[in-house]
């Protein structure tokens, strides 16, 4: 089984969360379409058809990826 790149997963999760917040604050058609696209991409990346399951799998993948890379060489920086 292929394991998705943790950086890509983290990026999609962050975008997904940002879009959910934006849509909750003010519903917009463009935001809804982008949220749909990001949700689909997250589902494809995590091998599921349900976005809630995709988020759960992604959440489980990220701590495991950090354990596999104890030096943090392949992780995203917290602050830019």
C-alpha atoms as a PDB file:
ATOM      1  CA  UNK A   1       0.000   0.000   0.000  1.00  0.00           C
ATOM      2  CA  UNK A   2       1.276   3.447  -0.874  1.00  0.00           C
ATOM      3  CA  UNK A   3       1.620   5.924   1.984  1.00  0.00           C
ATOM      4  CA  UNK A   4       0.918   9.561   1.111  1.00  0.00           C
ATOM      5  CA  UNK A   5       3.537  12.217   1.715  1.00  0.00           C
ATOM      6  CA  UNK A   6       2.938  13.657   5.207  1.00  0.00           C
ATOM      7  CA  UNK A   7       3.665  17.190   3.939  1.00  0.00           C
ATOM      8  CA  UNK A   8       0.951  16.902   1.309  1.00  0.00           C
ATOM      9  CA  UNK A   9      -1.466  15.434   3.846  1.00  0.00           C
ATOM     10  CA  UNK A  10      -0.744  18.218   6.331  1.00  0.00           C
ATOM     11  CA  UNK A  11      -1.240  20.840   3.599  1.00  0.00           C
ATOM     12  CA  UNK A  12      -4.598  19.370   2.581  1.00  0.00           C
ATOM     13  CA  UNK A  13      -5.769  19.060   6.186  1.00  0.00           C
ATOM     14  CA  UNK A  14      -4.848  22.673   6.858  1.00  0.00           C
ATOM     15  CA  UNK A  15      -6.645  23.852   3.722  1.00  0.00           C
ATOM     16  CA  UNK A  16      -9.665  21.715   4.547  1.00  0.00           C
ATOM     17  CA  UNK A  17      -9.901  23.163   8.068  1.00  0.00           C
ATOM     18  CA  UNK A  18      -9.484  26.736   6.806  1.00  0.00           C
ATOM     19  CA  UNK A  19     -12.217  26.288   4.224  1.00  0.00           C
ATOM     20  CA  UNK A  20     -14.596  24.699   6.747  1.00  0.00           C
ATOM     21  CA  UNK A  21     -14.089  27.700   9.035  1.00  0.00           C
ATOM     22  CA  UNK A  22     -14.530  30.181   6.184  1.00  0.00           C
ATOM     23  CA  UNK A  23     -17.701  28.448   5.027  1.00  0.00           C
ATOM     24  CA  UNK A  24     -19.095  28.382   8.571  1.00  0.00           C
ATOM     25  CA  UNK A  25     -18.438  32.103   8.994  1.00  0.00           C
ATOM     26  CA  UNK A  26     -19.942  33.080   5.657  1.00  0.00           C
ATOM     27  CA  UNK A  27     -21.282  30.727   3.019  1.00  0.00           C
ATOM     28  CA  UNK A  28     -19.957  31.459  -0.447  1.00  0.00           C
ATOM     29  CA  UNK A  29     -20.302  29.391  -3.622  1.00  0.00           C
ATOM     30  CA  UNK A  30     -16.596  29.687  -4.448  1.00  0.00           C
ATOM     31  CA  UNK A  31     -15.588  28.503  -0.985  1.00  0.00           C
ATOM     32  CA  UNK A  32     -18.059  25.616  -1.184  1.00  0.00           C
ATOM     33  CA  UNK A  33     -16.580  24.509  -4.527  1.00  0.00           C
ATOM     34  CA  UNK A  34     -13.022  24.719  -3.213  1.00  0.00           C
ATOM     35  CA  UNK A  35     -14.006  22.809  -0.070  1.00  0.00           C
ATOM     36  CA  UNK A  36     -15.528  20.122  -2.291  1.00  0.00           C
ATOM     37  CA  UNK A  37     -12.306  19.903  -4.323  1.00  0.00           C
ATOM     38  CA  UNK A  38     -10.070  19.712  -1.247  1.00  0.00           C
ATOM     39  CA  UNK A  39     -12.373  17.135   0.350  1.00  0.00           C
ATOM     40  CA  UNK A  40     -12.195  15.003  -2.789  1.00  0.00           C
ATOM     41  CA  UNK A  41      -8.394  15.285  -2.953  1.00  0.00           C
ATOM     42  CA  UNK A  42      -8.100  14.331   0.713  1.00  0.00           C
ATOM     43  CA  UNK A  43     -10.359  11.317   0.168  1.00  0.00           C
ATOM     44  CA  UNK A  44      -8.333  10.168  -2.837  1.00  0.00           C
ATOM     45  CA  UNK A  45      -5.054  10.639  -0.998  1.00  0.00           C
ATOM     46  CA  UNK A  46      -6.275   8.673   2.017  1.00  0.00           C
ATOM     47  CA  UNK A  47      -8.039   5.960  -0.010  1.00  0.00           C
ATOM     48  CA  UNK A  48     -11.606   6.532   1.122  1.00  0.00           C
ATOM     49  CA  UNK A  49     -14.841   8.058  -0.148  1.00  0.00           C
ATOM     50  CA  UNK A  50     -15.894   9.672   3.135  1.00  0.00           C
ATOM     51  CA  UNK A  51     -14.214  12.931   4.129  1.00  0.00           C
ATOM     52  CA  UNK A  52     -14.641  12.241   7.856  1.00  0.00           C
ATOM     53  CA  UNK A  53     -12.835   8.946   7.445  1.00  0.00           C
ATOM     54  CA  UNK A  54     -10.171  10.646   5.316  1.00  0.00           C
ATOM     55  CA  UNK A  55      -9.564  13.226   8.056  1.00  0.00           C
ATOM     56  CA  UNK A  56      -9.350  10.473  10.684  1.00  0.00           C
ATOM     57  CA  UNK A  57      -6.857   8.509   8.592  1.00  0.00           C
ATOM     58  CA  UNK A  58      -4.817  11.623   7.931  1.00  0.00           C
ATOM     59  CA  UNK A  59      -4.793  12.483  11.632  1.00  0.00           C
ATOM     60  CA  UNK A  60      -3.547   8.960  12.387  1.00  0.00           C
ATOM     61  CA  UNK A  61      -0.895   9.141   9.662  1.00  0.00           C
ATOM     62  CA  UNK A  62       0.755  12.365  10.799  1.00  0.00           C
ATOM     63  CA  UNK A  63       1.913  11.282  14.285  1.00  0.00           C
ATOM     64  CA  UNK A  64       3.177   8.005  12.781  1.00  0.00           C
ATOM     65  CA  UNK A  65       5.135   9.971  10.173  1.00  0.00           C
ATOM     66  CA  UNK A  66       6.692  12.128  12.903  1.00  0.00           C
ATOM     67  CA  UNK A  67       7.800   9.001  14.772  1.00  0.00           C
ATOM     68  CA  UNK A  68       9.366   7.644  11.588  1.00  0.00           C
ATOM     69  CA  UNK A  69      11.305  10.918  11.154  1.00  0.00           C
ATOM     70  CA  UNK A  70      12.576  11.755  14.658  1.00  0.00           C
ATOM     71  CA  UNK A  71      14.967  14.438  13.378  1.00  0.00           C
ATOM     72  CA  UNK A  72      12.090  16.310  11.761  1.00  0.00           C
ATOM     73  CA  UNK A  73      13.946  16.579   8.493  1.00  0.00           C
ATOM     74  CA  UNK A  74      10.838  15.841   6.436  1.00  0.00           C
ATOM     75  CA  UNK A  75       8.343  17.855   8.454  1.00  0.00           C
ATOM     76  CA  UNK A  76       6.927  21.272   7.749  1.00  0.00           C
ATOM     77  CA  UNK A  77       8.124  24.125   9.935  1.00  0.00           C
ATOM     78  CA  UNK A  78       5.563  25.459  12.406  1.00  0.00           C
ATOM     79  CA  UNK A  79       6.441  29.094  11.743  1.00  0.00           C
ATOM     80  CA  UNK A  80       7.782  30.675   8.620  1.00  0.00           C
END
